[in-house]
Amino acid sequence: MIFLRFLCILLALALPARGDTLRVAIFTSELDRKGPGLLLRDIRKGDPQADAVAQIVAHVAPDVLVLLRFDYDAGGLALGAFADLLATHGVIYPHRFALRPNAGLMTDHDLDGDGLLRGPRDAQGYGLYAGHNGMAVLSRLPLLAEAARDFSAMLWKDLPGAHLPEWNGVPFPSADALAVQRLSSTGHWDVPVQIPSGPPLHLLIYHATPPVFDGPEDRNGLRNADETRFWSLFLDGALPWPPPEAPVIVMGNANLDPMGGDGRGVHMRDLLAHPRLQDPAPRSAGAAASGFRAPSQSVTDTVAWDADGEPGNLRVSYILPDHALQVTGAGVFWPTADDPEVMLLGDAGRGASRHRLVWMDIVLPPPERGFLDASGGRG
């Protein structure tokens, strides 16, 4: 058993299984719980939802996986337990990365204007406790943690052109609250991945607040738009931190559809059209057949919000690679009802998560060559 585990680790440290490509994926796993330590408890006791998420990950087998709505703990115990669960399904991720999210990071201000203090919405991002609704990265390739950058402490008011909420011409909920309110509801990260050849790939990761659950001041809608607009400004060099010269991949749940649902879709469209990025528009037959929108529009949907009181299926999770990168494949794991793989989605197609895993295959450069830049030159 020890020899087999050692062999699995050696294989994980080798080149990606697809030879000259790197498969990246993002999954809003909904592996968040109502109290600290509960996710670790659930994984260790054989939680069916955690196992369903693990089976989908194992089926797609990405080399680098971004997990959203995954509870954070300072020791990384829940993430380690989930990595162990994935190993039982045949996928080994020796490299892991997570930072404390803004979600659940409590303040002493009334940030939602309800007249009360220290509620879930008075944290820097909605959260029942510190670490609730976090983000994490699992990887077969080394993650350069010492070179990672965390932009999550940036104040919302400091974003150029920030759309700060007002009500009746007065800052909402107050000038004091906006003076301490961070932009990131969960986080904005730059995490470099060391590939076998060429410069590191920089994963630009975020999870924006839903543009709902507020009042007529549209606080969440405005913040949601600015959380996505952050990356456009960052790539334009308009923020205090210089963008990487090496290729980037924006990976996140924007909670924003470019053409439907709530929120300011224009800012999602702006990011999709950014000159440094490309949008391969991953799609699935299951989303196209869902019946909530015309198939030409729904084919790229990434979440099954199809129950009563939910907004319907939308595209909210994104992988947007640098134009310097060549994409050979992309998709959303959303099988049709008559596909045997639909069983992996769990009960009613929602047993693992209402969200769907999004994946993309990126060509790795040969050892003696760098990536193509957007103009066809070498970067």
Protein backbone atom coordinates (compact mmCIF):
# COMPACT_ATOMS: atom_id res chain seq x y z
CA MET A 1 0.00 0.00 0.00
CA ILE A 2 2.81 2.44 0.89
CA PHE A 3 4.60 1.56 -2.36
CA LEU A 4 1.44 2.16 -4.40
CA ARG A 5 0.85 5.54 -2.75
CA PHE A 6 4.47 6.51 -3.44
CA LEU A 7 4.06 5.44 -7.06
CA CYS A 8 0.89 7.54 -7.40
CA ILE A 9 2.73 10.60 -6.09
CA LEU A 10 5.57 10.07 -8.56
CA LEU A 11 3.06 9.83 -11.39
CA ALA A 12 1.34 13.00 -10.20
CA LEU A 13 4.65 14.85 -10.29
CA ALA A 14 5.26 13.81 -13.88
CA LEU A 15 4.00 15.59 -16.98
CA PRO A 16 0.23 15.94 -17.33
CA ALA A 17 -1.49 12.77 -18.47
CA ARG A 18 -2.49 14.33 -21.79
CA GLY A 19 1.18 14.68 -22.77
CA ASP A 20 1.52 18.15 -24.27
CA THR A 21 -1.56 19.74 -22.73
CA LEU A 22 -2.56 20.99 -19.33
CA ARG A 23 -6.16 20.53 -18.22
CA VAL A 24 -7.44 23.24 -15.88
CA ALA A 25 -10.86 23.20 -14.25
CA ILE A 26 -13.03 25.27 -11.95
CA PHE A 27 -15.80 23.88 -9.80
CA THR A 28 -18.11 25.79 -7.47
CA SER A 29 -18.42 22.75 -5.26
CA GLU A 30 -20.90 23.99 -2.63
CA LEU A 31 -18.76 22.17 -0.07
CA ASP A 32 -19.49 24.81 2.54
CA ARG A 33 -21.11 24.10 5.86
CA LYS A 34 -22.95 26.05 8.58
CA GLY A 35 -20.16 25.89 11.14
CA PRO A 36 -16.36 25.65 11.38
CA GLY A 37 -14.97 22.13 11.21
CA LEU A 38 -18.17 20.62 9.85
CA LEU A 39 -16.80 20.11 6.35
CA LEU A 40 -13.80 18.21 7.71
CA ARG A 41 -16.15 16.11 9.83
CA ASP A 42 -18.38 15.36 6.85
CA ILE A 43 -15.54 14.38 4.54
CA ARG A 44 -14.04 12.08 7.13
CA LYS A 45 -17.32 10.34 7.85
CA GLY A 46 -18.04 9.66 4.16
CA ASP A 47 -20.35 12.52 3.20
CA PRO A 48 -22.30 11.59 0.00
CA GLN A 49 -22.08 15.11 -1.43
CA ALA A 50 -18.31 15.31 -0.97
CA ASP A 51 -17.96 11.91 -2.60
CA ALA A 52 -20.15 13.00 -5.52
CA VAL A 53 -17.99 16.08 -6.06
CA ALA A 54 -14.88 13.89 -5.90
CA GLN A 55 -16.28 11.49 -8.50
CA ILE A 56 -16.91 14.33 -10.96
CA VAL A 57 -13.40 15.68 -10.43
CA ALA A 58 -11.92 12.22 -10.92
CA HIS A 59 -13.96 11.70 -14.09
CA VAL A 60 -12.72 14.94 -15.66
CA ALA A 61 -9.23 14.53 -14.12
CA PRO A 62 -7.90 18.09 -14.37
CA ASP A 63 -4.22 18.75 -13.73
CA VAL A 64 -5.08 21.98 -11.91
CA LEU A 65 -8.39 22.42 -10.09
CA VAL A 66 -9.83 25.61 -8.61
CA LEU A 67 -12.45 24.88 -5.96
CA LEU A 68 -14.95 27.53 -4.90
CA ARG A 69 -17.38 27.45 -1.99
CA PHE A 70 -14.97 25.21 -0.12
CA ASP A 71 -14.59 26.07 3.57
CA TYR A 72 -11.16 27.26 4.67
CA ASP A 73 -9.38 26.32 7.86
CA ALA A 74 -5.96 27.58 8.94
CA GLY A 75 -4.40 24.12 8.97
CA GLY A 76 -5.77 23.13 5.56
CA LEU A 77 -7.30 20.06 7.17
CA ALA A 78 -10.51 19.99 5.15
CA LEU A 79 -8.60 20.54 1.90
CA GLY A 80 -6.17 17.78 2.83
CA ALA A 81 -9.03 15.42 3.67
CA PHE A 82 -10.68 16.18 0.33
CA ALA A 83 -7.40 15.56 -1.49
CA ASP A 84 -7.19 12.20 0.29
CA LEU A 85 -10.74 11.44 -0.85
CA LEU A 86 -9.80 12.32 -4.43
CA ALA A 87 -6.84 9.95 -4.16
CA THR A 88 -9.19 7.07 -3.40
CA HIS A 89 -10.84 7.88 -6.73
CA GLY A 90 -7.51 7.80 -8.54
CA VAL A 91 -6.52 11.47 -8.84
CA ILE A 92 -3.53 12.72 -6.84
CA TYR A 93 -2.95 16.38 -6.05
CA PRO A 94 0.27 16.83 -4.05
CA HIS A 95 0.20 20.62 -4.35
CA ARG A 96 -2.44 22.69 -2.56
CA PHE A 97 -3.06 26.37 -2.00
CA ALA A 98 -5.62 28.31 0.01
CA LEU A 99 -5.77 31.66 1.78
CA ARG A 100 -8.21 32.95 4.35
CA PRO A 101 -11.16 34.44 2.44
CA ASN A 102 -12.88 37.72 3.12
CA ALA A 103 -16.07 35.69 3.58
CA GLY A 104 -16.75 35.53 7.31
CA LEU A 105 -14.00 38.05 8.13
CA MET A 106 -15.98 40.02 10.70
CA THR A 107 -15.92 43.79 11.08
CA ASP A 108 -17.29 46.08 13.78
CA HIS A 109 -19.37 48.02 11.26
CA ASP A 110 -22.93 47.72 10.02
CA LEU A 111 -22.03 46.92 6.41
CA ASP A 112 -25.51 45.96 5.22
CA GLY A 113 -27.47 48.81 6.77
CA ASP A 114 -29.81 46.70 8.90
CA GLY A 115 -28.96 48.61 12.08
CA LEU A 116 -27.29 45.59 13.69
CA LEU A 117 -23.66 44.57 14.15
CA ARG A 118 -21.71 41.35 13.62
CA GLY A 119 -24.24 39.56 11.43
CA PRO A 120 -23.14 37.43 8.45
CA ARG A 121 -23.44 40.45 6.13
CA ASP A 122 -21.30 42.62 8.42
CA ALA A 123 -18.27 40.52 7.52
CA GLN A 124 -16.09 41.64 4.63
CA GLY A 125 -17.90 38.97 2.62
CA TYR A 126 -21.06 37.13 3.58
CA GLY A 127 -20.12 34.34 5.96
CA LEU A 128 -21.38 32.56 9.04
CA TYR A 129 -17.83 32.21 10.42
CA ALA A 130 -14.22 32.92 9.50
CA GLY A 131 -13.28 30.78 6.50
CA HIS A 132 -16.83 30.13 5.31
CA ASN A 133 -17.21 29.89 1.51
CA GLY A 134 -13.51 29.90 0.71
CA MET A 135 -11.44 29.18 -2.39
CA ALA A 136 -8.69 26.62 -2.94
CA VAL A 137 -6.37 25.23 -5.61
CA LEU A 138 -5.34 21.59 -6.03
CA SER A 139 -2.62 20.77 -8.53
CA ARG A 140 -0.49 17.97 -9.92
CA LEU A 141 2.10 20.61 -10.83
CA PRO A 142 3.94 22.83 -8.33
CA LEU A 143 2.14 25.95 -7.14
CA LEU A 144 4.56 28.82 -6.48
CA ALA A 145 2.99 29.87 -3.21
CA GLU A 146 5.83 32.22 -2.31
CA ALA A 147 5.20 34.17 -5.53
CA ALA A 148 1.41 34.26 -5.16
CA ARG A 149 -0.25 37.64 -4.73
CA ASP A 150 -3.38 38.30 -2.70
CA PHE A 151 -5.29 41.45 -3.63
CA SER A 152 -8.20 40.73 -1.28
CA ALA A 153 -7.44 43.54 1.18
CA MET A 154 -8.01 46.26 -1.43
CA LEU A 155 -10.71 48.65 -0.30
CA TRP A 156 -13.68 48.96 -2.61
CA LYS A 157 -13.43 52.75 -2.59
CA ASP A 158 -9.85 52.53 -3.91
CA LEU A 159 -10.83 50.76 -7.13
CA PRO A 160 -10.60 53.30 -9.97
CA GLY A 161 -14.14 54.33 -10.93
CA ALA A 162 -15.65 52.36 -8.03
CA HIS A 163 -19.45 52.12 -8.17
CA LEU A 164 -20.13 52.75 -4.48
CA PRO A 165 -23.73 52.41 -3.27
CA GLU A 166 -25.84 55.41 -2.34
CA TRP A 167 -29.38 55.95 -1.20
CA ASN A 168 -31.08 59.34 -1.49
CA GLY A 169 -27.70 60.82 -2.39
CA VAL A 170 -26.04 59.56 0.79
CA PRO A 171 -23.34 56.83 0.96
CA PHE A 172 -24.93 53.49 1.82
CA PRO A 173 -24.98 52.25 4.50
CA SER A 174 -22.62 54.97 5.73
CA ALA A 175 -19.39 56.72 4.88
CA ASP A 176 -17.73 54.93 7.82
CA ALA A 177 -18.78 51.54 6.48
CA LEU A 178 -17.52 52.27 2.98
CA ALA A 179 -14.22 53.45 4.46
CA VAL A 180 -13.47 49.88 5.62
CA GLN A 181 -15.36 47.80 3.05
CA ARG A 182 -13.08 45.60 0.96
CA LEU A 183 -13.83 45.02 -2.71
CA SER A 184 -13.41 41.24 -2.66
CA SER A 185 -16.34 39.35 -1.16
CA THR A 186 -14.22 36.17 -1.18
CA GLY A 187 -10.84 36.99 -2.71
CA HIS A 188 -8.79 38.03 -5.72
CA TRP A 189 -5.60 35.99 -6.16
CA ASP A 190 -2.72 35.60 -8.59
CA VAL A 191 -1.39 32.04 -8.17
CA PRO A 192 1.53 30.96 -10.42
CA VAL A 193 1.71 27.33 -11.58
CA GLN A 194 5.12 25.98 -12.55
CA ILE A 195 4.79 24.08 -15.81
CA PRO A 196 7.46 21.70 -17.16
CA SER A 197 8.65 24.24 -19.75
CA GLY A 198 8.29 27.95 -20.26
CA PRO A 199 7.32 30.61 -17.71
CA PRO A 200 4.76 29.90 -14.98
CA LEU A 201 1.08 30.19 -15.77
CA HIS A 202 -0.66 32.75 -13.58
CA LEU A 203 -4.12 31.80 -12.36
CA LEU A 204 -6.19 34.92 -11.64
CA ILE A 205 -8.85 33.57 -9.29
CA TYR A 206 -11.96 35.13 -7.75
CA HIS A 207 -15.51 34.47 -6.58
CA ALA A 208 -17.83 37.48 -6.69
CA THR A 209 -20.87 38.14 -4.56
CA PRO A 210 -24.28 37.43 -6.10
CA PRO A 211 -25.81 40.67 -7.45
CA VAL A 212 -28.95 40.11 -5.36
CA PHE A 213 -29.99 39.83 -1.67
CA ASP A 214 -29.86 43.60 -1.12
CA GLY A 215 -32.19 46.58 -1.37
CA PRO A 216 -32.90 49.39 -3.83
CA GLU A 217 -29.40 50.77 -3.28
CA ASP A 218 -28.15 47.68 -5.20
CA ARG A 219 -25.11 47.29 -2.98
CA ASN A 220 -24.44 43.70 -4.03
CA GLY A 221 -25.11 44.40 -7.70
CA LEU A 222 -22.60 47.24 -7.72
CA ARG A 223 -20.00 45.26 -5.82
CA ASN A 224 -20.46 42.23 -8.07
CA ALA A 225 -19.78 44.37 -11.14
CA ASP A 226 -16.65 45.91 -9.62
CA GLU A 227 -15.29 42.53 -8.55
CA THR A 228 -15.29 41.46 -12.21
CA ARG A 229 -14.13 44.88 -13.39
CA PHE A 230 -11.08 44.47 -11.12
CA TRP A 231 -9.52 42.02 -13.59
CA SER A 232 -10.05 44.29 -16.59
CA LEU A 233 -8.31 47.12 -14.72
CA PHE A 234 -5.58 44.78 -13.49
CA LEU A 235 -4.78 43.51 -16.99
CA ASP A 236 -4.79 47.11 -18.27
CA GLY A 237 -2.10 48.03 -15.71
CA ALA A 238 -4.48 50.48 -13.99
CA LEU A 239 -4.00 49.07 -10.47
CA PRO A 240 -1.04 49.30 -8.07
CA TRP A 241 0.08 45.78 -8.96
CA PRO A 242 1.63 45.12 -12.38
CA PRO A 243 0.02 42.30 -14.37
CA PRO A 244 2.24 39.29 -15.12
CA GLU A 245 4.18 39.29 -18.36
CA ALA A 246 3.77 35.50 -18.43
CA PRO A 247 0.47 34.02 -19.65
CA VAL A 248 -2.57 34.34 -17.38
CA ILE A 249 -5.84 32.45 -17.02
CA VAL A 250 -8.77 34.20 -15.34
CA MET A 251 -10.72 31.57 -13.41
CA GLY A 252 -13.71 32.43 -11.31
CA ASN A 253 -17.36 32.40 -10.50
CA ALA A 254 -18.46 35.90 -11.45
CA ASN A 255 -22.09 35.27 -10.43
CA LEU A 256 -22.72 37.28 -13.58
CA ASP A 257 -24.09 36.15 -16.93
CA PRO A 258 -23.15 38.35 -19.90
CA MET A 259 -26.64 38.25 -21.39
CA GLY A 260 -29.16 37.23 -18.72
CA GLY A 261 -30.06 37.16 -15.05
CA ASP A 262 -29.49 39.94 -12.53
CA GLY A 263 -26.42 42.11 -12.42
CA ARG A 264 -24.58 44.40 -14.81
CA GLY A 265 -23.76 42.03 -17.62
CA VAL A 266 -21.89 44.72 -19.56
CA HIS A 267 -18.90 44.32 -17.23
CA MET A 268 -18.82 40.58 -17.88
CA ARG A 269 -18.97 41.27 -21.60
CA ASP A 270 -16.10 43.74 -21.22
CA LEU A 271 -13.94 41.12 -19.53
CA LEU A 272 -14.83 38.47 -22.13
CA ALA A 273 -13.75 40.93 -24.84
CA HIS A 274 -10.54 42.07 -23.11
CA PRO A 275 -7.74 42.16 -25.70
CA ARG A 276 -5.44 40.03 -23.58
CA LEU A 277 -8.00 37.25 -23.08
CA GLN A 278 -9.92 34.79 -25.20
CA ASP A 279 -13.26 33.14 -24.49
CA PRO A 280 -13.43 29.57 -25.81
CA ALA A 281 -17.00 29.45 -24.44
CA PRO A 282 -17.06 25.93 -22.93
CA ARG A 283 -20.39 24.23 -23.56
CA SER A 284 -22.38 21.12 -22.82
CA ALA A 285 -25.22 19.13 -24.34
CA GLY A 286 -26.94 18.98 -20.96
CA ALA A 287 -27.17 22.76 -20.62
CA ALA A 288 -28.38 23.13 -24.20
CA ALA A 289 -31.16 20.62 -23.52
CA SER A 290 -32.24 22.20 -20.23
CA GLY A 291 -35.03 24.22 -21.84
CA PHE A 292 -34.55 27.38 -19.77
CA ARG A 293 -33.19 29.49 -22.60
CA ALA A 294 -32.73 29.06 -26.33
CA PRO A 295 -30.14 26.30 -26.90
CA SER A 296 -27.80 28.76 -28.65
CA GLN A 297 -27.62 30.75 -25.41
CA SER A 298 -28.01 28.04 -22.77
CA VAL A 299 -25.30 25.80 -24.23
CA THR A 300 -22.66 27.68 -22.22
CA ASP A 301 -24.61 27.71 -18.92
CA THR A 302 -22.69 26.49 -15.88
CA VAL A 303 -25.27 26.30 -13.09
CA ALA A 304 -28.62 24.52 -12.70
CA TRP A 305 -30.63 27.13 -10.81
CA ASP A 306 -33.87 25.54 -11.89
CA ALA A 307 -35.85 25.07 -8.67
CA ASP A 308 -38.66 27.31 -7.41
CA GLY A 309 -37.34 30.68 -6.32
CA GLU A 310 -34.13 30.32 -8.33
CA PRO A 311 -33.28 32.50 -11.35
CA GLY A 312 -32.91 29.70 -13.90
CA ASN A 313 -29.78 28.31 -15.50
CA LEU A 314 -27.04 30.84 -16.25
CA ARG A 315 -23.40 31.11 -17.21
CA VAL A 316 -21.53 32.24 -14.10
CA SER A 317 -18.28 30.20 -13.96
CA TYR A 318 -15.48 31.11 -16.35
CA ILE A 319 -12.06 30.06 -17.62
CA LEU A 320 -10.59 32.83 -19.77
CA PRO A 321 -7.09 32.07 -21.06
CA ASP A 322 -4.48 34.49 -22.30
CA HIS A 323 -4.37 34.93 -26.08
CA ALA A 324 -0.81 33.60 -25.81
CA LEU A 325 -2.26 30.17 -24.98
CA GLN A 326 -3.56 27.65 -27.49
CA VAL A 327 -6.76 25.89 -26.41
CA THR A 328 -7.39 22.40 -27.77
CA GLY A 329 -10.58 21.54 -25.91
CA ALA A 330 -13.09 22.91 -23.42
CA GLY A 331 -16.37 21.89 -21.91
CA VAL A 332 -18.83 21.95 -19.05
CA PHE A 333 -19.51 18.63 -17.35
CA TRP A 334 -23.28 18.56 -17.80
CA PRO A 335 -24.49 15.31 -19.37
CA THR A 336 -27.95 15.01 -20.90
CA ALA A 337 -30.64 13.04 -19.09
CA ASP A 338 -30.13 9.98 -21.32
CA ASP A 339 -26.33 9.93 -20.88
CA PRO A 340 -25.16 7.31 -18.31
CA GLU A 341 -22.69 9.88 -16.94
CA VAL A 342 -25.60 11.96 -15.67
CA MET A 343 -25.57 9.73 -12.59
CA LEU A 344 -22.41 11.50 -11.49
CA LEU A 345 -24.38 14.72 -10.96
CA GLY A 346 -26.27 13.05 -8.12
CA ASP A 347 -29.90 13.21 -7.08
CA ALA A 348 -32.00 15.34 -9.47
CA GLY A 349 -28.79 16.56 -11.07
CA ARG A 350 -27.97 18.54 -7.92
CA GLY A 351 -26.57 15.95 -5.51
CA ALA A 352 -22.97 17.07 -5.99
CA SER A 353 -23.60 20.76 -6.61
CA ARG A 354 -26.01 22.93 -8.53
CA HIS A 355 -22.94 24.24 -10.31
CA ARG A 356 -21.12 22.34 -13.05
CA LEU A 357 -17.41 21.74 -13.38
CA VAL A 358 -15.87 23.74 -16.26
CA TRP A 359 -12.66 22.45 -17.88
CA MET A 360 -10.20 23.50 -20.56
CA ASP A 361 -7.12 21.95 -22.22
CA ILE A 362 -4.16 24.26 -22.83
CA VAL A 363 -1.17 23.40 -25.03
CA LEU A 364 2.15 23.33 -23.19
CA PRO A 365 5.15 24.71 -25.07
CA PRO A 366 8.07 22.40 -25.93
CA PRO A 367 11.09 22.85 -23.63
CA GLU A 368 13.04 25.04 -26.03
CA ARG A 369 10.18 27.40 -26.89
CA GLY A 370 8.01 29.90 -25.06
CA PHE A 371 4.32 30.62 -25.47
CA LEU A 372 3.04 32.49 -28.49
CA ASP A 373 2.06 36.01 -27.63
CA ALA A 374 -1.14 37.57 -28.94
CA SER A 375 0.60 38.95 -32.06
CA GLY A 376 2.16 35.62 -33.00
CA GLY A 377 5.59 36.46 -31.55
CA ARG A 378 7.28 34.69 -28.70
CA GLY A 379 6.56 35.67 -25.14
